[in-house]
């Protein structure tokens, strides 16, 4: 047991520590709907771009480029988006949008997973592909302040824990385990904010 723990510690790099700290800061700030979350996101994703490439998780590495662009897009949307140009408010998606998204993610996962299997040395190509495509959607949902992004992230991060453990990114796997807890609080906080914008009618008054 001691040797195993020592191996885990040895496998953790200083850059991974920095990426984890910044990633946690991003999520906690996102829960509070703070614009500073996007600065933390930009720094964290830059670090993970190189970490995942070194671990041969090519789809995850490529995903970081998208995250970097979305950090800029998200900042602009939260600051100047919405119909009044004063920043986005928490909103919801229709069930049709969710259905189309899930089907699209699964189809893209199958296609990219097959391509990675055939033409690269990627590890866990289908799992890597699923988390990548689903994360693209979920990140865009965060930038647009859609409440259901927290549900998507819960599923994605649960899968990511397995993915990162398999590549000996132990601290990152622990980070995503912590994410699962923070995500629950994020959903509750954003749902409370959405309800504040859309007060429910008093049924007793009817």
N, C-alpha and C. Protein backbone atom coordinates (compact mmCIF):
# COMPACT_ATOMS: atom_id res chain seq x y z
N UNK A 1 0.83 -1.20 0.00
CA UNK A 1 0.00 0.00 0.00
C UNK A 1 0.86 1.25 0.00
N UNK A 2 1.92 1.23 0.86
CA UNK A 2 2.83 2.38 0.95
C UNK A 2 3.54 2.62 -0.37
N UNK A 3 3.97 1.51 -1.02
CA UNK A 3 4.66 1.63 -2.30
C UNK A 3 3.73 2.19 -3.37
N UNK A 4 2.47 1.79 -3.30
CA UNK A 4 1.49 2.31 -4.27
C UNK A 4 1.31 3.80 -4.11
N UNK A 5 1.15 4.26 -2.87
CA UNK A 5 0.99 5.69 -2.60
C UNK A 5 2.21 6.47 -3.02
N UNK A 6 3.40 5.89 -2.78
CA UNK A 6 4.65 6.55 -3.18
C UNK A 6 4.72 6.69 -4.69
N UNK A 7 4.22 5.66 -5.39
CA UNK A 7 4.20 5.72 -6.85
C UNK A 7 3.26 6.80 -7.36
N UNK A 8 2.12 6.93 -6.71
CA UNK A 8 1.17 7.98 -7.08
C UNK A 8 1.78 9.37 -6.91
N UNK A 9 2.41 9.59 -5.76
CA UNK A 9 3.01 10.89 -5.48
C UNK A 9 4.09 11.22 -6.52
N UNK A 10 4.91 10.20 -6.85
CA UNK A 10 5.99 10.40 -7.82
C UNK A 10 5.45 10.74 -9.20
N UNK A 11 4.25 10.23 -9.51
CA UNK A 11 3.67 10.45 -10.83
C UNK A 11 3.03 11.83 -10.97
N UNK A 12 2.85 12.53 -9.86
CA UNK A 12 2.21 13.84 -9.87
C UNK A 12 3.25 14.92 -10.14
N UNK A 13 3.05 15.71 -11.15
CA UNK A 13 3.99 16.78 -11.49
C UNK A 13 3.53 18.11 -10.92
N UNK A 14 4.47 19.05 -10.84
CA UNK A 14 4.14 20.39 -10.35
C UNK A 14 3.14 21.07 -11.26
N UNK A 15 3.25 20.81 -12.57
CA UNK A 15 2.31 21.40 -13.51
C UNK A 15 0.91 20.85 -13.31
N UNK A 16 0.81 19.57 -13.00
CA UNK A 16 -0.50 18.99 -12.74
C UNK A 16 -1.13 19.62 -11.52
N UNK A 17 -0.31 19.87 -10.48
CA UNK A 17 -0.80 20.54 -9.27
C UNK A 17 -1.36 21.92 -9.61
N UNK A 18 -0.60 22.67 -10.42
CA UNK A 18 -1.04 24.01 -10.82
C UNK A 18 -2.34 23.95 -11.62
N UNK A 19 -2.42 22.97 -12.52
CA UNK A 19 -3.63 22.82 -13.32
C UNK A 19 -4.84 22.49 -12.47
N UNK A 20 -4.64 21.64 -11.47
CA UNK A 20 -5.72 21.25 -10.57
C UNK A 20 -6.21 22.44 -9.75
N UNK A 21 -5.27 23.20 -9.18
CA UNK A 21 -5.64 24.35 -8.35
C UNK A 21 -6.44 25.36 -9.17
N UNK A 22 -5.98 25.64 -10.37
CA UNK A 22 -6.68 26.61 -11.22
C UNK A 22 -8.04 26.07 -11.68
N UNK A 23 -8.12 24.77 -11.92
CA UNK A 23 -9.39 24.16 -12.34
C UNK A 23 -10.42 24.23 -11.22
N UNK A 24 -9.98 23.99 -9.99
CA UNK A 24 -10.89 24.09 -8.85
C UNK A 24 -11.37 25.54 -8.69
N UNK A 25 -10.42 26.47 -8.84
CA UNK A 25 -10.78 27.89 -8.74
C UNK A 25 -11.82 28.25 -9.79
N UNK A 26 -11.64 27.73 -11.02
CA UNK A 26 -12.61 27.99 -12.09
C UNK A 26 -14.00 27.53 -11.71
N UNK A 27 -14.11 26.30 -11.22
CA UNK A 27 -15.42 25.74 -10.94
C UNK A 27 -16.09 26.47 -9.77
N UNK A 28 -15.34 26.77 -8.73
CA UNK A 28 -15.91 27.47 -7.57
C UNK A 28 -16.37 28.87 -7.97
N UNK A 29 -15.60 29.53 -8.81
CA UNK A 29 -15.99 30.86 -9.28
C UNK A 29 -17.20 30.79 -10.22
N UNK A 30 -17.28 29.69 -11.02
CA UNK A 30 -18.43 29.51 -11.91
C UNK A 30 -19.71 29.31 -11.10
N UNK A 31 -19.62 28.58 -9.99
CA UNK A 31 -20.78 28.40 -9.12
C UNK A 31 -21.31 29.76 -8.67
N UNK A 32 -20.39 30.68 -8.39
CA UNK A 32 -20.76 32.02 -7.93
C UNK A 32 -21.08 32.96 -9.09
N UNK A 33 -20.96 32.45 -10.32
CA UNK A 33 -21.20 33.23 -11.53
C UNK A 33 -20.28 34.44 -11.60
N UNK A 34 -19.02 34.24 -11.21
CA UNK A 34 -18.02 35.30 -11.23
C UNK A 34 -17.27 35.28 -12.56
N UNK A 35 -17.06 36.46 -13.14
CA UNK A 35 -16.32 36.56 -14.39
C UNK A 35 -14.89 36.05 -14.25
N UNK A 36 -14.35 36.05 -13.04
CA UNK A 36 -12.98 35.60 -12.82
C UNK A 36 -12.81 34.11 -13.13
N UNK A 37 -13.90 33.38 -13.19
CA UNK A 37 -13.79 31.95 -13.50
C UNK A 37 -13.15 31.73 -14.86
N UNK A 38 -13.38 32.65 -15.80
CA UNK A 38 -12.86 32.46 -17.15
C UNK A 38 -11.36 32.71 -17.22
N UNK A 39 -10.82 33.56 -16.35
CA UNK A 39 -9.37 33.74 -16.28
C UNK A 39 -8.70 32.47 -15.77
N UNK A 40 -9.29 31.89 -14.72
CA UNK A 40 -8.77 30.64 -14.17
C UNK A 40 -8.86 29.52 -15.19
N UNK A 41 -9.96 29.51 -15.96
CA UNK A 41 -10.15 28.48 -16.99
C UNK A 41 -9.08 28.57 -18.06
N UNK A 42 -8.76 29.78 -18.49
CA UNK A 42 -7.77 29.97 -19.55
C UNK A 42 -6.40 29.46 -19.10
N UNK A 43 -6.02 29.77 -17.88
CA UNK A 43 -4.71 29.34 -17.37
C UNK A 43 -4.66 27.83 -17.19
N UNK A 44 -5.73 27.26 -16.64
CA UNK A 44 -5.76 25.82 -16.38
C UNK A 44 -5.73 25.02 -17.68
N UNK A 45 -6.50 25.43 -18.65
CA UNK A 45 -6.56 24.67 -19.91
C UNK A 45 -5.24 24.74 -20.68
N UNK A 46 -4.52 25.83 -20.55
CA UNK A 46 -3.21 25.93 -21.19
C UNK A 46 -2.26 24.86 -20.64
N UNK A 47 -2.32 24.67 -19.33
CA UNK A 47 -1.48 23.65 -18.69
C UNK A 47 -1.89 22.25 -19.14
N UNK A 48 -3.20 21.99 -19.12
CA UNK A 48 -3.68 20.65 -19.47
C UNK A 48 -3.51 20.31 -20.94
N UNK A 49 -3.40 21.30 -21.78
CA UNK A 49 -3.12 21.07 -23.19
C UNK A 49 -1.86 20.22 -23.34
N UNK A 50 -0.84 20.56 -22.58
CA UNK A 50 0.44 19.84 -22.66
C UNK A 50 0.43 18.55 -21.85
N UNK A 51 -0.25 18.55 -20.70
CA UNK A 51 -0.31 17.35 -19.87
C UNK A 51 -0.99 16.20 -20.60
N UNK A 52 -2.10 16.46 -21.25
CA UNK A 52 -2.84 15.41 -21.94
C UNK A 52 -2.10 14.93 -23.19
N UNK A 53 -1.42 15.84 -23.86
CA UNK A 53 -0.64 15.43 -25.03
C UNK A 53 0.47 14.48 -24.60
N UNK A 54 1.09 14.76 -23.48
CA UNK A 54 2.16 13.90 -22.97
C UNK A 54 1.62 12.53 -22.56
N UNK A 55 0.35 12.49 -22.11
CA UNK A 55 -0.28 11.24 -21.69
C UNK A 55 -0.92 10.49 -22.86
N UNK A 56 -0.77 11.02 -24.08
CA UNK A 56 -1.33 10.44 -25.30
C UNK A 56 -2.85 10.38 -25.28
N UNK A 57 -3.48 11.32 -24.60
CA UNK A 57 -4.93 11.49 -24.66
C UNK A 57 -5.17 12.62 -25.66
N UNK A 58 -5.10 12.27 -26.93
CA UNK A 58 -5.06 13.29 -27.97
C UNK A 58 -6.36 14.09 -28.09
N UNK A 59 -7.47 13.42 -27.94
CA UNK A 59 -8.74 14.14 -28.01
C UNK A 59 -8.89 15.10 -26.83
N UNK A 60 -8.47 14.65 -25.64
CA UNK A 60 -8.52 15.52 -24.47
C UNK A 60 -7.59 16.72 -24.64
N UNK A 61 -6.43 16.48 -25.23
CA UNK A 61 -5.48 17.57 -25.47
C UNK A 61 -6.05 18.59 -26.45
N UNK A 62 -6.62 18.09 -27.55
CA UNK A 62 -7.23 18.98 -28.54
C UNK A 62 -8.39 19.76 -27.93
N UNK A 63 -9.09 19.13 -27.01
CA UNK A 63 -10.22 19.77 -26.36
C UNK A 63 -9.80 21.04 -25.62
N UNK A 64 -8.58 21.05 -25.11
CA UNK A 64 -8.11 22.22 -24.36
C UNK A 64 -8.04 23.47 -25.24
N UNK A 65 -7.77 23.29 -26.53
CA UNK A 65 -7.76 24.44 -27.44
C UNK A 65 -9.15 25.06 -27.51
N UNK A 66 -10.15 24.20 -27.56
CA UNK A 66 -11.54 24.68 -27.55
C UNK A 66 -11.85 25.40 -26.24
N UNK A 67 -11.40 24.81 -25.13
CA UNK A 67 -11.62 25.43 -23.82
C UNK A 67 -11.01 26.83 -23.75
N UNK A 68 -9.84 26.97 -24.32
CA UNK A 68 -9.18 28.27 -24.30
C UNK A 68 -10.00 29.31 -25.06
N UNK A 69 -10.52 28.92 -26.21
CA UNK A 69 -11.37 29.82 -26.98
C UNK A 69 -12.67 30.12 -26.23
N UNK A 70 -13.23 29.08 -25.58
CA UNK A 70 -14.48 29.26 -24.85
C UNK A 70 -14.30 30.12 -23.60
N UNK A 71 -13.09 30.14 -23.04
CA UNK A 71 -12.84 31.01 -21.88
C UNK A 71 -13.04 32.47 -22.29
N UNK A 72 -12.59 32.80 -23.49
CA UNK A 72 -12.78 34.17 -24.01
C UNK A 72 -14.26 34.41 -24.34
N UNK A 73 -14.86 33.43 -25.02
CA UNK A 73 -16.28 33.55 -25.41
C UNK A 73 -17.17 33.65 -24.17
N UNK A 74 -16.88 32.81 -23.17
CA UNK A 74 -17.69 32.82 -21.95
C UNK A 74 -17.61 34.14 -21.22
N UNK A 75 -16.41 34.71 -21.16
CA UNK A 75 -16.25 36.01 -20.51
C UNK A 75 -17.10 37.07 -21.21
N UNK A 76 -17.05 37.08 -22.53
CA UNK A 76 -17.82 38.06 -23.30
C UNK A 76 -19.31 37.87 -23.08
N UNK A 77 -19.78 36.60 -23.09
CA UNK A 77 -21.20 36.32 -22.91
C UNK A 77 -21.68 36.72 -21.53
N UNK A 78 -20.91 36.39 -20.50
CA UNK A 78 -21.32 36.72 -19.13
C UNK A 78 -21.27 38.22 -18.88
N UNK A 79 -20.41 38.91 -19.59
CA UNK A 79 -20.26 40.36 -19.39
C UNK A 79 -21.18 41.17 -20.28
N UNK A 80 -21.31 40.75 -21.55
CA UNK A 80 -22.05 41.58 -22.50
C UNK A 80 -23.17 40.83 -23.23
N UNK A 81 -23.39 39.55 -22.94
CA UNK A 81 -24.40 38.78 -23.65
C UNK A 81 -25.82 39.06 -23.19
N UNK A 82 -26.75 38.24 -23.71
CA UNK A 82 -28.15 38.42 -23.34
C UNK A 82 -28.85 39.43 -24.22
N UNK A 83 -30.17 39.45 -24.18
CA UNK A 83 -30.95 40.34 -25.05
C UNK A 83 -30.70 41.82 -24.79
N UNK A 84 -30.28 42.18 -23.57
CA UNK A 84 -30.06 43.58 -23.23
C UNK A 84 -28.58 43.97 -23.30
N UNK A 85 -27.73 42.99 -23.57
CA UNK A 85 -26.30 43.27 -23.65
C UNK A 85 -25.67 43.58 -22.31
N UNK A 86 -26.31 43.15 -21.24
CA UNK A 86 -25.79 43.43 -19.89
C UNK A 86 -25.32 42.17 -19.18
N UNK A 87 -25.18 41.08 -19.92
CA UNK A 87 -24.74 39.82 -19.32
C UNK A 87 -25.85 38.79 -19.31
N UNK A 88 -25.48 37.53 -19.45
CA UNK A 88 -26.48 36.46 -19.52
C UNK A 88 -27.04 36.11 -18.15
N UNK A 89 -28.30 35.67 -18.16
CA UNK A 89 -28.97 35.15 -16.97
C UNK A 89 -29.10 33.63 -17.13
N UNK A 90 -29.31 32.93 -16.03
CA UNK A 90 -29.46 31.49 -16.06
C UNK A 90 -30.73 31.12 -16.84
N UNK A 91 -30.60 30.18 -17.79
CA UNK A 91 -31.74 29.76 -18.59
C UNK A 91 -31.82 28.24 -18.69
N UNK A 92 -32.81 27.76 -19.44
CA UNK A 92 -33.04 26.32 -19.62
C UNK A 92 -33.06 25.98 -21.10
N UNK A 93 -32.80 24.69 -21.39
CA UNK A 93 -32.91 24.15 -22.74
C UNK A 93 -34.20 23.36 -22.87
N UNK A 94 -34.71 23.23 -24.10
CA UNK A 94 -35.88 22.41 -24.35
C UNK A 94 -35.47 20.94 -24.39
N UNK A 95 -36.44 20.03 -24.20
CA UNK A 95 -36.13 18.60 -24.24
C UNK A 95 -35.68 18.18 -25.63
N UNK A 96 -36.17 18.86 -26.66
CA UNK A 96 -35.75 18.54 -28.02
C UNK A 96 -34.27 18.87 -28.23
N UNK A 97 -33.84 19.98 -27.69
CA UNK A 97 -32.42 20.35 -27.79
C UNK A 97 -31.55 19.31 -27.09
N UNK A 98 -32.00 18.82 -25.94
CA UNK A 98 -31.24 17.80 -25.22
C UNK A 98 -31.19 16.50 -26.02
N UNK A 99 -32.32 16.10 -26.58
CA UNK A 99 -32.38 14.84 -27.35
C UNK A 99 -31.44 14.90 -28.55
N UNK A 100 -31.48 16.01 -29.28
CA UNK A 100 -30.61 16.16 -30.45
C UNK A 100 -29.14 16.17 -30.04
N UNK A 101 -28.86 16.78 -28.90
CA UNK A 101 -27.48 16.86 -28.43
C UNK A 101 -26.94 15.49 -28.06
N UNK A 102 -27.72 14.71 -27.32
CA UNK A 102 -27.28 13.39 -26.88
C UNK A 102 -27.02 12.48 -28.08
N UNK A 103 -27.93 12.48 -29.05
CA UNK A 103 -27.76 11.66 -30.24
C UNK A 103 -26.52 12.09 -31.01
N UNK A 104 -26.31 13.38 -31.16
CA UNK A 104 -25.16 13.90 -31.89
C UNK A 104 -23.85 13.50 -31.21
N UNK A 105 -23.82 13.61 -29.89
CA UNK A 105 -22.61 13.26 -29.14
C UNK A 105 -22.27 11.78 -29.31
N UNK A 106 -23.28 10.92 -29.26
CA UNK A 106 -23.05 9.49 -29.41
C UNK A 106 -22.55 9.14 -30.81
N UNK A 107 -23.13 9.78 -31.84
CA UNK A 107 -22.69 9.52 -33.21
C UNK A 107 -21.25 9.98 -33.43
N UNK A 108 -20.92 11.17 -32.92
CA UNK A 108 -19.58 11.69 -33.06
C UNK A 108 -18.57 10.86 -32.28
N UNK A 109 -19.01 10.34 -31.13
CA UNK A 109 -18.15 9.48 -30.33
C UNK A 109 -17.78 8.22 -31.10
N UNK A 110 -18.77 7.61 -31.73
CA UNK A 110 -18.52 6.41 -32.51
C UNK A 110 -17.57 6.66 -33.67
N UNK A 111 -17.77 7.78 -34.37
CA UNK A 111 -16.95 8.10 -35.53
C UNK A 111 -15.50 8.40 -35.13
N UNK A 112 -15.32 9.31 -34.18
CA UNK A 112 -13.96 9.70 -33.79
C UNK A 112 -13.25 8.56 -33.07
N UNK A 113 -14.00 7.76 -32.30
CA UNK A 113 -13.40 6.61 -31.63
C UNK A 113 -12.86 5.62 -32.63
N UNK A 114 -13.61 5.38 -33.70
CA UNK A 114 -13.16 4.46 -34.76
C UNK A 114 -11.92 5.01 -35.46
N UNK A 115 -11.91 6.32 -35.76
CA UNK A 115 -10.78 6.93 -36.44
C UNK A 115 -9.52 6.87 -35.58
N UNK A 116 -9.67 7.14 -34.28
CA UNK A 116 -8.52 7.09 -33.38
C UNK A 116 -7.98 5.66 -33.26
N UNK A 117 -8.89 4.70 -33.22
CA UNK A 117 -8.47 3.30 -33.14
C UNK A 117 -7.70 2.87 -34.37
N UNK A 118 -8.15 3.33 -35.51
CA UNK A 118 -7.56 2.90 -36.78
C UNK A 118 -6.25 3.62 -37.11
N UNK A 119 -6.17 4.92 -36.77
CA UNK A 119 -5.06 5.72 -37.28
C UNK A 119 -4.10 6.28 -36.22
N UNK A 120 -4.38 6.06 -34.93
CA UNK A 120 -3.49 6.60 -33.89
C UNK A 120 -3.20 5.54 -32.83
N UNK A 121 -2.34 5.91 -31.89
CA UNK A 121 -2.02 5.04 -30.76
C UNK A 121 -2.76 5.48 -29.50
N UNK A 122 -3.86 6.18 -29.69
CA UNK A 122 -4.60 6.75 -28.56
C UNK A 122 -5.05 5.66 -27.58
N UNK A 123 -5.04 6.01 -26.30
CA UNK A 123 -5.54 5.12 -25.26
C UNK A 123 -7.04 5.38 -25.06
N UNK A 124 -7.80 4.30 -24.86
CA UNK A 124 -9.24 4.39 -24.60
C UNK A 124 -9.93 5.37 -25.57
N UNK A 125 -9.83 5.12 -26.86
CA UNK A 125 -10.31 6.09 -27.86
C UNK A 125 -11.79 6.43 -27.77
N UNK A 126 -12.63 5.45 -27.45
CA UNK A 126 -14.06 5.74 -27.39
C UNK A 126 -14.43 6.52 -26.14
N UNK A 127 -13.82 6.16 -25.02
CA UNK A 127 -14.06 6.91 -23.79
C UNK A 127 -13.54 8.33 -23.92
N UNK A 128 -12.34 8.46 -24.47
CA UNK A 128 -11.73 9.76 -24.69
C UNK A 128 -12.60 10.60 -25.62
N UNK A 129 -13.14 9.98 -26.65
CA UNK A 129 -13.99 10.69 -27.61
C UNK A 129 -15.29 11.16 -26.97
N UNK A 130 -15.90 10.28 -26.17
CA UNK A 130 -17.16 10.65 -25.53
C UNK A 130 -16.99 11.86 -24.63
N UNK A 131 -15.99 11.83 -23.76
CA UNK A 131 -15.80 12.95 -22.84
C UNK A 131 -15.45 14.23 -23.60
N UNK A 132 -14.77 14.08 -24.72
CA UNK A 132 -14.40 15.25 -25.51
C UNK A 132 -15.62 15.91 -26.14
N UNK A 133 -16.41 15.13 -26.88
CA UNK A 133 -17.57 15.72 -27.55
C UNK A 133 -18.61 16.23 -26.56
N UNK A 134 -18.84 15.48 -25.50
CA UNK A 134 -19.81 15.92 -24.50
C UNK A 134 -19.33 17.19 -23.80
N UNK A 135 -18.02 17.29 -23.59
CA UNK A 135 -17.47 18.48 -22.93
C UNK A 135 -17.59 19.72 -23.81
N UNK A 136 -17.49 19.53 -25.11
CA UNK A 136 -17.69 20.66 -26.03
C UNK A 136 -19.06 21.29 -25.80
N UNK A 137 -20.06 20.43 -25.74
CA UNK A 137 -21.42 20.91 -25.55
C UNK A 137 -21.59 21.54 -24.17
N UNK A 138 -21.11 20.84 -23.14
CA UNK A 138 -21.30 21.32 -21.77
C UNK A 138 -20.59 22.66 -21.53
N UNK A 139 -19.42 22.84 -22.13
CA UNK A 139 -18.70 24.10 -21.98
C UNK A 139 -19.46 25.24 -22.63
N UNK A 140 -20.00 24.99 -23.81
CA UNK A 140 -20.82 26.00 -24.47
C UNK A 140 -22.04 26.33 -23.63
N UNK A 141 -22.61 25.33 -22.98
CA UNK A 141 -23.77 25.55 -22.12
C UNK A 141 -23.42 26.43 -20.92
N UNK A 142 -22.21 26.24 -20.37
CA UNK A 142 -21.77 27.10 -19.26
C UNK A 142 -21.67 28.54 -19.74
N UNK A 143 -21.04 28.74 -20.91
CA UNK A 143 -20.87 30.08 -21.46
C UNK A 143 -22.21 30.77 -21.68
N UNK A 144 -23.24 29.98 -22.02
CA UNK A 144 -24.57 30.54 -22.25
C UNK A 144 -25.43 30.53 -20.98
N UNK A 145 -24.84 30.08 -19.88
CA UNK A 145 -25.51 30.02 -18.57
C UNK A 145 -26.79 29.17 -18.61
N UNK A 146 -26.69 27.99 -19.21
CA UNK A 146 -27.80 27.05 -19.22
C UNK A 146 -27.70 26.15 -17.99
N UNK A 147 -28.75 26.08 -17.22
CA UNK A 147 -28.75 25.36 -15.94
C UNK A 147 -28.32 23.90 -16.08
N UNK A 148 -28.78 23.25 -17.14
CA UNK A 148 -28.54 21.81 -17.28
C UNK A 148 -27.07 21.44 -17.53
N UNK A 149 -26.22 22.45 -17.71
CA UNK A 149 -24.81 22.14 -17.92
C UNK A 149 -24.26 21.33 -16.76
N UNK A 150 -24.78 21.56 -15.55
CA UNK A 150 -24.29 20.84 -14.37
C UNK A 150 -24.61 19.35 -14.44
N UNK A 151 -25.76 19.01 -15.01
CA UNK A 151 -26.12 17.60 -15.17
C UNK A 151 -25.18 16.93 -16.17
N UNK A 152 -24.92 17.60 -17.28
CA UNK A 152 -24.00 17.07 -18.28
C UNK A 152 -22.62 16.86 -17.67
N UNK A 153 -22.14 17.85 -16.93
CA UNK A 153 -20.81 17.75 -16.34
C UNK A 153 -20.71 16.62 -15.32
N UNK A 154 -21.79 16.34 -14.60
CA UNK A 154 -21.74 15.26 -13.62
C UNK A 154 -21.46 13.92 -14.32
N UNK A 155 -22.15 13.69 -15.43
CA UNK A 155 -21.95 12.45 -16.19
C UNK A 155 -20.54 12.42 -16.79
N UNK A 156 -20.14 13.52 -17.42
CA UNK A 156 -18.83 13.59 -18.06
C UNK A 156 -17.70 13.37 -17.06
N UNK A 157 -17.78 14.03 -15.93
CA UNK A 157 -16.69 13.95 -14.95
C UNK A 157 -16.62 12.58 -14.28
N UNK A 158 -17.76 11.92 -14.13
CA UNK A 158 -17.74 10.57 -13.59
C UNK A 158 -16.97 9.64 -14.53
N UNK A 159 -17.17 9.79 -15.83
CA UNK A 159 -16.43 9.00 -16.82
C UNK A 159 -14.96 9.41 -16.83
N UNK A 160 -14.70 10.71 -16.67
CA UNK A 160 -13.33 11.20 -16.69
C UNK A 160 -12.48 10.62 -15.56
N UNK A 161 -13.08 10.35 -14.42
CA UNK A 161 -12.34 9.78 -13.30
C UNK A 161 -11.70 8.46 -13.71
N UNK A 162 -12.47 7.61 -14.36
CA UNK A 162 -11.95 6.34 -14.86
C UNK A 162 -10.86 6.58 -15.90
N UNK A 163 -11.08 7.53 -16.79
CA UNK A 163 -10.14 7.80 -17.87
C UNK A 163 -8.79 8.24 -17.31
N UNK A 164 -8.80 9.14 -16.35
CA UNK A 164 -7.54 9.68 -15.82
C UNK A 164 -6.82 8.68 -14.93
N UNK A 165 -7.55 7.88 -14.19
CA UNK A 165 -6.91 6.84 -13.38
C UNK A 165 -6.17 5.85 -14.28
N UNK A 166 -6.75 5.55 -15.43
CA UNK A 166 -6.12 4.60 -16.34
C UNK A 166 -4.82 5.14 -16.92
N UNK A 167 -4.65 6.48 -16.94
CA UNK A 167 -3.44 7.09 -17.48
C UNK A 167 -2.52 7.61 -16.37
N UNK A 168 -2.79 7.21 -15.14
CA UNK A 168 -1.97 7.55 -13.97
C UNK A 168 -1.92 9.05 -13.69
N UNK A 169 -2.99 9.76 -14.05
CA UNK A 169 -3.14 11.17 -13.69
C UNK A 169 -3.97 11.22 -12.40
N UNK A 170 -3.33 10.80 -11.32
CA UNK A 170 -4.06 10.55 -10.08
C UNK A 170 -4.63 11.82 -9.46
N UNK A 171 -3.85 12.88 -9.45
CA UNK A 171 -4.35 14.11 -8.86
C UNK A 171 -5.50 14.68 -9.67
N UNK A 172 -5.41 14.55 -10.98
CA UNK A 172 -6.50 15.01 -11.83
C UNK A 172 -7.76 14.18 -11.60
N UNK A 173 -7.61 12.87 -11.39
CA UNK A 173 -8.76 12.02 -11.09
C UNK A 173 -9.39 12.44 -9.77
N UNK A 174 -8.55 12.77 -8.78
CA UNK A 174 -9.06 13.24 -7.49
C UNK A 174 -9.79 14.56 -7.66
N UNK A 175 -9.24 15.42 -8.52
CA UNK A 175 -9.89 16.69 -8.82
C UNK A 175 -11.30 16.47 -9.34
N UNK A 176 -11.46 15.52 -10.26
CA UNK A 176 -12.78 15.30 -10.85
C UNK A 176 -13.73 14.64 -9.88
N UNK A 177 -13.20 13.90 -8.90
CA UNK A 177 -14.06 13.37 -7.84
C UNK A 177 -14.60 14.53 -7.00
N UNK A 178 -13.74 15.51 -6.73
CA UNK A 178 -14.18 16.70 -6.00
C UNK A 178 -15.19 17.50 -6.84
N UNK A 179 -14.97 17.50 -8.16
CA UNK A 179 -15.90 18.18 -9.06
C UNK A 179 -17.33 17.67 -8.89
N UNK A 180 -17.48 16.35 -8.71
CA UNK A 180 -18.82 15.78 -8.61
C UNK A 180 -19.59 16.40 -7.45
N UNK A 181 -18.87 16.69 -6.37
CA UNK A 181 -19.51 17.31 -5.20
C UNK A 181 -19.83 18.78 -5.50
N UNK A 182 -18.85 19.49 -6.07
CA UNK A 182 -19.05 20.91 -6.37
C UNK A 182 -20.17 21.10 -7.39
N UNK A 183 -20.27 20.17 -8.34
CA UNK A 183 -21.30 20.26 -9.37
C UNK A 183 -22.70 20.25 -8.75
N UNK A 184 -22.89 19.44 -7.73
CA UNK A 184 -24.19 19.39 -7.07
C UNK A 184 -24.55 20.75 -6.48
N UNK A 185 -23.58 21.37 -5.82
CA UNK A 185 -23.82 22.69 -5.25
C UNK A 185 -24.01 23.74 -6.34
N UNK A 186 -23.29 23.57 -7.46
CA UNK A 186 -23.46 24.49 -8.57
C UNK A 186 -24.86 24.43 -9.15
N UNK A 187 -25.37 23.21 -9.32
CA UNK A 187 -26.73 23.06 -9.83
C UNK A 187 -27.75 23.70 -8.90
N UNK A 188 -27.59 23.47 -7.60
CA UNK A 188 -28.52 24.03 -6.62
C UNK A 188 -28.48 25.56 -6.65
N UNK A 189 -27.27 26.13 -6.70
CA UNK A 189 -27.12 27.59 -6.69
C UNK A 189 -27.71 28.22 -7.95
N UNK A 190 -27.42 27.63 -9.11
CA UNK A 190 -27.95 28.19 -10.35
C UNK A 190 -29.46 27.99 -10.44
N UNK A 191 -29.95 26.87 -9.92
CA UNK A 191 -31.40 26.63 -9.95
C UNK A 191 -32.12 27.65 -9.06
N UNK A 192 -31.51 27.96 -7.92
CA UNK A 192 -32.09 28.97 -7.03
C UNK A 192 -32.13 30.32 -7.73
N UNK A 193 -31.07 30.64 -8.46
CA UNK A 193 -31.01 31.90 -9.18
C UNK A 193 -32.07 31.94 -10.28
N UNK A 194 -32.23 30.81 -11.01
CA UNK A 194 -33.23 30.75 -12.08
C UNK A 194 -34.64 30.90 -11.51
N UNK A 195 -34.89 30.25 -10.38
CA UNK A 195 -36.21 30.36 -9.76
C UNK A 195 -36.48 31.79 -9.29
N UNK A 196 -35.43 32.48 -8.87
CA UNK A 196 -35.59 33.87 -8.46
C UNK A 196 -36.01 34.76 -9.62
N UNK A 197 -35.57 34.39 -10.82
CA UNK A 197 -35.94 35.14 -12.02
C UNK A 197 -37.31 34.74 -12.54
N UNK A 198 -37.76 33.50 -12.19
CA UNK A 198 -39.05 32.98 -12.66
C UNK A 198 -39.85 32.47 -11.46
N UNK A 199 -40.36 33.37 -10.65
CA UNK A 199 -41.12 32.95 -9.46
C UNK A 199 -42.33 32.10 -9.83
N UNK A 200 -42.52 31.03 -9.07
CA UNK A 200 -43.65 30.13 -9.32
C UNK A 200 -44.95 30.75 -8.78
N UNK A 201 -46.07 30.57 -9.51
CA UNK A 201 -47.34 31.12 -9.03
C UNK A 201 -47.78 30.43 -7.74
N UNK A 202 -48.45 31.17 -6.90
CA UNK A 202 -48.94 30.63 -5.63
C UNK A 202 -50.18 29.77 -5.91
N UNK A 203 -50.02 28.44 -5.85
CA UNK A 203 -51.13 27.54 -6.16
C UNK A 203 -52.29 27.70 -5.18
N UNK A 204 -51.96 28.00 -3.95
CA UNK A 204 -53.01 28.14 -2.93
C UNK A 204 -53.92 29.31 -3.23
N UNK A 205 -53.33 30.32 -3.95
CA UNK A 205 -54.11 31.51 -4.24
C UNK A 205 -55.20 31.22 -5.27
N UNK A 206 -54.99 30.16 -6.04
CA UNK A 206 -55.98 29.82 -7.07
C UNK A 206 -57.17 29.15 -6.47
